[in-house]
């Protein structure tokens, strides 16, 4: 089991290295979002709708102060906006803006294009198996 875990750690390290190389090689005009945390937060707001800082912190198992700092960037750049709680609660919520949606769509396309290039020789079965394994891995992280 230890050898398998060591192998997984090594492969995840290499994935991180690939992400860094891909980001460094991208022309500045191609970069849709500068921070990975921005993409993750905006994607969640896109999928779930308006959320409070507390809800975002809980969703990512982060401290509210960390999420507050990260969302301040989104607000400053006009990628998200604060709105009253649509359900009438006390806490204000964050909602993705049209510009935030545009940037998330651009970032997603950029990332998918990169993955398509790397995975171009894989069979549909290999892709499905890999996607299933990653989904299982991420579910384990969240629980």
C-alpha atoms as a PDB file:
ATOM      1  CA  UNK A   1       0.000   0.000   0.000  1.00  0.00           C
ATOM      2  CA  UNK A   2       2.865   2.418   0.790  1.00  0.00           C
ATOM      3  CA  UNK A   3       4.370   2.015  -2.688  1.00  0.00           C
ATOM      4  CA  UNK A   4       1.006   2.749  -4.289  1.00  0.00           C
ATOM      5  CA  UNK A   5       0.544   5.863  -2.162  1.00  0.00           C
ATOM      6  CA  UNK A   6       4.071   7.000  -3.014  1.00  0.00           C
ATOM      7  CA  UNK A   7       3.301   6.479  -6.715  1.00  0.00           C
ATOM      8  CA  UNK A   8       0.086   8.485  -6.447  1.00  0.00           C
ATOM      9  CA  UNK A   9       1.908  11.304  -4.648  1.00  0.00           C
ATOM     10  CA  UNK A  10       4.530  11.403  -7.380  1.00  0.00           C
ATOM     11  CA  UNK A  11       1.918  11.526 -10.141  1.00  0.00           C
ATOM     12  CA  UNK A  12       0.021  14.327  -8.388  1.00  0.00           C
ATOM     13  CA  UNK A  13       3.280  16.270  -8.052  1.00  0.00           C
ATOM     14  CA  UNK A  14       3.821  15.886 -11.787  1.00  0.00           C
ATOM     15  CA  UNK A  15       0.281  17.103 -12.478  1.00  0.00           C
ATOM     16  CA  UNK A  16       1.099  20.187 -10.400  1.00  0.00           C
ATOM     17  CA  UNK A  17       4.271  20.663 -12.407  1.00  0.00           C
ATOM     18  CA  UNK A  18       2.340  20.417 -15.658  1.00  0.00           C
ATOM     19  CA  UNK A  19      -0.132  23.048 -14.456  1.00  0.00           C
ATOM     20  CA  UNK A  20       2.735  25.412 -13.614  1.00  0.00           C
ATOM     21  CA  UNK A  21       4.399  24.863 -16.985  1.00  0.00           C
ATOM     22  CA  UNK A  22       1.131  25.372 -18.854  1.00  0.00           C
ATOM     23  CA  UNK A  23       0.434  28.595 -16.958  1.00  0.00           C
ATOM     24  CA  UNK A  24       3.962  29.887 -17.542  1.00  0.00           C
ATOM     25  CA  UNK A  25       3.826  29.149 -21.273  1.00  0.00           C
ATOM     26  CA  UNK A  26       0.475  30.862 -21.817  1.00  0.00           C
ATOM     27  CA  UNK A  27       0.574  34.267 -23.428  1.00  0.00           C
ATOM     28  CA  UNK A  28      -0.801  36.908 -21.028  1.00  0.00           C
ATOM     29  CA  UNK A  29      -3.770  37.548 -23.316  1.00  0.00           C
ATOM     30  CA  UNK A  30      -4.720  33.881 -23.019  1.00  0.00           C
ATOM     31  CA  UNK A  31      -4.906  33.943 -19.249  1.00  0.00           C
ATOM     32  CA  UNK A  32      -8.518  34.271 -18.295  1.00  0.00           C
ATOM     33  CA  UNK A  33      -8.103  34.244 -14.515  1.00  0.00           C
ATOM     34  CA  UNK A  34      -4.826  34.811 -12.718  1.00  0.00           C
ATOM     35  CA  UNK A  35      -5.638  32.809  -9.618  1.00  0.00           C
ATOM     36  CA  UNK A  36      -6.784  29.222  -9.428  1.00  0.00           C
ATOM     37  CA  UNK A  37      -8.828  30.107  -6.340  1.00  0.00           C
ATOM     38  CA  UNK A  38     -10.778  32.631  -8.424  1.00  0.00           C
ATOM     39  CA  UNK A  39     -11.682  29.956 -10.954  1.00  0.00           C
ATOM     40  CA  UNK A  40     -12.732  27.514  -8.235  1.00  0.00           C
ATOM     41  CA  UNK A  41     -14.869  30.050  -6.345  1.00  0.00           C
ATOM     42  CA  UNK A  42     -16.485  31.461  -9.472  1.00  0.00           C
ATOM     43  CA  UNK A  43     -17.229  27.964 -10.764  1.00  0.00           C
ATOM     44  CA  UNK A  44     -18.994  27.158  -7.490  1.00  0.00           C
ATOM     45  CA  UNK A  45     -21.027  30.375  -7.645  1.00  0.00           C
ATOM     46  CA  UNK A  46     -21.913  29.574 -11.252  1.00  0.00           C
ATOM     47  CA  UNK A  47     -23.072  26.072 -10.323  1.00  0.00           C
ATOM     48  CA  UNK A  48     -24.803  26.797  -6.998  1.00  0.00           C
ATOM     49  CA  UNK A  49     -26.035  30.361  -7.405  1.00  0.00           C
ATOM     50  CA  UNK A  50     -25.519  33.078  -4.792  1.00  0.00           C
ATOM     51  CA  UNK A  51     -23.691  31.959  -1.659  1.00  0.00           C
ATOM     52  CA  UNK A  52     -22.544  33.633   1.544  1.00  0.00           C
ATOM     53  CA  UNK A  53     -18.920  33.680   2.675  1.00  0.00           C
ATOM     54  CA  UNK A  54     -19.867  31.105   5.297  1.00  0.00           C
ATOM     55  CA  UNK A  55     -21.442  28.801   2.729  1.00  0.00           C
ATOM     56  CA  UNK A  56     -18.385  29.050   0.486  1.00  0.00           C
ATOM     57  CA  UNK A  57     -16.081  28.399   3.435  1.00  0.00           C
ATOM     58  CA  UNK A  58     -18.095  25.327   4.386  1.00  0.00           C
ATOM     59  CA  UNK A  59     -18.211  24.080   0.783  1.00  0.00           C
ATOM     60  CA  UNK A  60     -14.408  24.153   0.542  1.00  0.00           C
ATOM     61  CA  UNK A  61     -13.658  23.348   4.193  1.00  0.00           C
ATOM     62  CA  UNK A  62     -11.792  26.640   4.588  1.00  0.00           C
ATOM     63  CA  UNK A  63     -11.709  29.310   7.230  1.00  0.00           C
ATOM     64  CA  UNK A  64     -14.152  32.157   6.517  1.00  0.00           C
ATOM     65  CA  UNK A  65     -11.309  34.702   6.718  1.00  0.00           C
ATOM     66  CA  UNK A  66      -9.470  32.863   3.925  1.00  0.00           C
ATOM     67  CA  UNK A  67     -12.560  32.854   1.725  1.00  0.00           C
ATOM     68  CA  UNK A  68     -13.184  36.501   2.573  1.00  0.00           C
ATOM     69  CA  UNK A  69      -9.703  37.436   1.279  1.00  0.00           C
ATOM     70  CA  UNK A  70     -10.161  35.362  -1.857  1.00  0.00           C
ATOM     71  CA  UNK A  71     -13.592  36.781  -2.621  1.00  0.00           C
ATOM     72  CA  UNK A  72     -12.313  40.329  -2.081  1.00  0.00           C
ATOM     73  CA  UNK A  73     -10.254  39.817  -5.248  1.00  0.00           C
ATOM     74  CA  UNK A  74     -13.381  38.742  -7.138  1.00  0.00           C
ATOM     75  CA  UNK A  75     -15.297  41.773  -5.934  1.00  0.00           C
ATOM     76  CA  UNK A  76     -12.446  44.173  -6.732  1.00  0.00           C
ATOM     77  CA  UNK A  77     -12.154  42.795 -10.271  1.00  0.00           C
ATOM     78  CA  UNK A  78     -15.925  42.920 -10.877  1.00  0.00           C
ATOM     79  CA  UNK A  79     -16.160  39.136 -11.228  1.00  0.00           C
ATOM     80  CA  UNK A  80     -18.646  38.795  -8.368  1.00  0.00           C
ATOM     81  CA  UNK A  81     -20.982  41.153  -6.562  1.00  0.00           C
ATOM     82  CA  UNK A  82     -22.587  41.305  -3.138  1.00  0.00           C
ATOM     83  CA  UNK A  83     -26.359  41.045  -3.104  1.00  0.00           C
ATOM     84  CA  UNK A  84     -29.006  40.747  -0.394  1.00  0.00           C
ATOM     85  CA  UNK A  85     -29.896  37.141   0.380  1.00  0.00           C
ATOM     86  CA  UNK A  86     -32.575  36.190  -2.193  1.00  0.00           C
ATOM     87  CA  UNK A  87     -34.207  34.041   0.503  1.00  0.00           C
ATOM     88  CA  UNK A  88     -34.426  36.944   2.948  1.00  0.00           C
ATOM     89  CA  UNK A  89     -31.635  35.900   5.297  1.00  0.00           C
ATOM     90  CA  UNK A  90     -29.410  38.354   7.118  1.00  0.00           C
ATOM     91  CA  UNK A  91     -26.116  37.529   5.427  1.00  0.00           C
ATOM     92  CA  UNK A  92     -25.297  39.131   2.118  1.00  0.00           C
ATOM     93  CA  UNK A  93     -24.431  36.717  -0.640  1.00  0.00           C
ATOM     94  CA  UNK A  94     -21.985  36.716  -3.502  1.00  0.00           C
ATOM     95  CA  UNK A  95     -23.200  36.301  -7.052  1.00  0.00           C
ATOM     96  CA  UNK A  96     -21.100  35.824 -10.164  1.00  0.00           C
ATOM     97  CA  UNK A  97     -21.323  38.748 -12.606  1.00  0.00           C
ATOM     98  CA  UNK A  98     -21.588  38.613 -16.399  1.00  0.00           C
ATOM     99  CA  UNK A  99     -17.861  39.415 -16.561  1.00  0.00           C
ATOM    100  CA  UNK A 100     -17.172  36.640 -14.061  1.00  0.00           C
ATOM    101  CA  UNK A 101     -19.114  34.197 -16.236  1.00  0.00           C
ATOM    102  CA  UNK A 102     -17.215  35.311 -19.318  1.00  0.00           C
ATOM    103  CA  UNK A 103     -13.875  34.833 -17.573  1.00  0.00           C
ATOM    104  CA  UNK A 104     -14.852  31.431 -16.131  1.00  0.00           C
ATOM    105  CA  UNK A 105     -15.980  30.277 -19.579  1.00  0.00           C
ATOM    106  CA  UNK A 106     -12.689  31.449 -21.069  1.00  0.00           C
ATOM    107  CA  UNK A 107     -10.624  29.790 -18.354  1.00  0.00           C
ATOM    108  CA  UNK A 108     -12.600  26.564 -18.681  1.00  0.00           C
ATOM    109  CA  UNK A 109     -12.095  26.513 -22.464  1.00  0.00           C
ATOM    110  CA  UNK A 110      -8.371  27.183 -22.037  1.00  0.00           C
ATOM    111  CA  UNK A 111      -8.011  24.352 -19.511  1.00  0.00           C
ATOM    112  CA  UNK A 112     -10.082  21.924 -21.566  1.00  0.00           C
ATOM    113  CA  UNK A 113      -8.090  22.711 -24.704  1.00  0.00           C
ATOM    114  CA  UNK A 114      -4.883  21.969 -22.807  1.00  0.00           C
ATOM    115  CA  UNK A 115      -6.266  18.692 -21.502  1.00  0.00           C
ATOM    116  CA  UNK A 116      -7.528  17.721 -24.954  1.00  0.00           C
ATOM    117  CA  UNK A 117      -4.009  18.218 -26.312  1.00  0.00           C
ATOM    118  CA  UNK A 118      -2.442  16.070 -23.598  1.00  0.00           C
ATOM    119  CA  UNK A 119      -5.108  13.354 -23.805  1.00  0.00           C
ATOM    120  CA  UNK A 120      -5.533  13.292 -27.595  1.00  0.00           C
ATOM    121  CA  UNK A 121      -4.228   9.717 -27.937  1.00  0.00           C
ATOM    122  CA  UNK A 122      -6.349   8.241 -25.144  1.00  0.00           C
ATOM    123  CA  UNK A 123      -9.294   5.970 -25.907  1.00  0.00           C
ATOM    124  CA  UNK A 124     -12.797   6.887 -24.724  1.00  0.00           C
ATOM    125  CA  UNK A 125     -12.536   4.024 -22.224  1.00  0.00           C
ATOM    126  CA  UNK A 126      -9.255   5.335 -20.813  1.00  0.00           C
ATOM    127  CA  UNK A 127     -10.735   8.830 -20.514  1.00  0.00           C
ATOM    128  CA  UNK A 128     -13.849   7.512 -18.763  1.00  0.00           C
ATOM    129  CA  UNK A 129     -11.773   5.425 -16.346  1.00  0.00           C
ATOM    130  CA  UNK A 130      -9.496   8.359 -15.547  1.00  0.00           C
ATOM    131  CA  UNK A 131     -12.483  10.694 -15.007  1.00  0.00           C
ATOM    132  CA  UNK A 132     -14.105   8.118 -12.729  1.00  0.00           C
ATOM    133  CA  UNK A 133     -10.919   7.713 -10.696  1.00  0.00           C
ATOM    134  CA  UNK A 134     -10.508  11.471 -10.307  1.00  0.00           C
ATOM    135  CA  UNK A 135     -14.158  11.868  -9.268  1.00  0.00           C
ATOM    136  CA  UNK A 136     -13.700   9.147  -6.642  1.00  0.00           C
ATOM    137  CA  UNK A 137     -10.482  10.814  -5.424  1.00  0.00           C
ATOM    138  CA  UNK A 138     -12.169  14.219  -5.122  1.00  0.00           C
ATOM    139  CA  UNK A 139     -15.164  12.713  -3.317  1.00  0.00           C
ATOM    140  CA  UNK A 140     -12.754  11.179  -0.806  1.00  0.00           C
ATOM    141  CA  UNK A 141     -11.177  14.583  -0.229  1.00  0.00           C
ATOM    142  CA  UNK A 142     -14.549  16.197   0.458  1.00  0.00           C
ATOM    143  CA  UNK A 143     -15.569  13.601   3.046  1.00  0.00           C
END
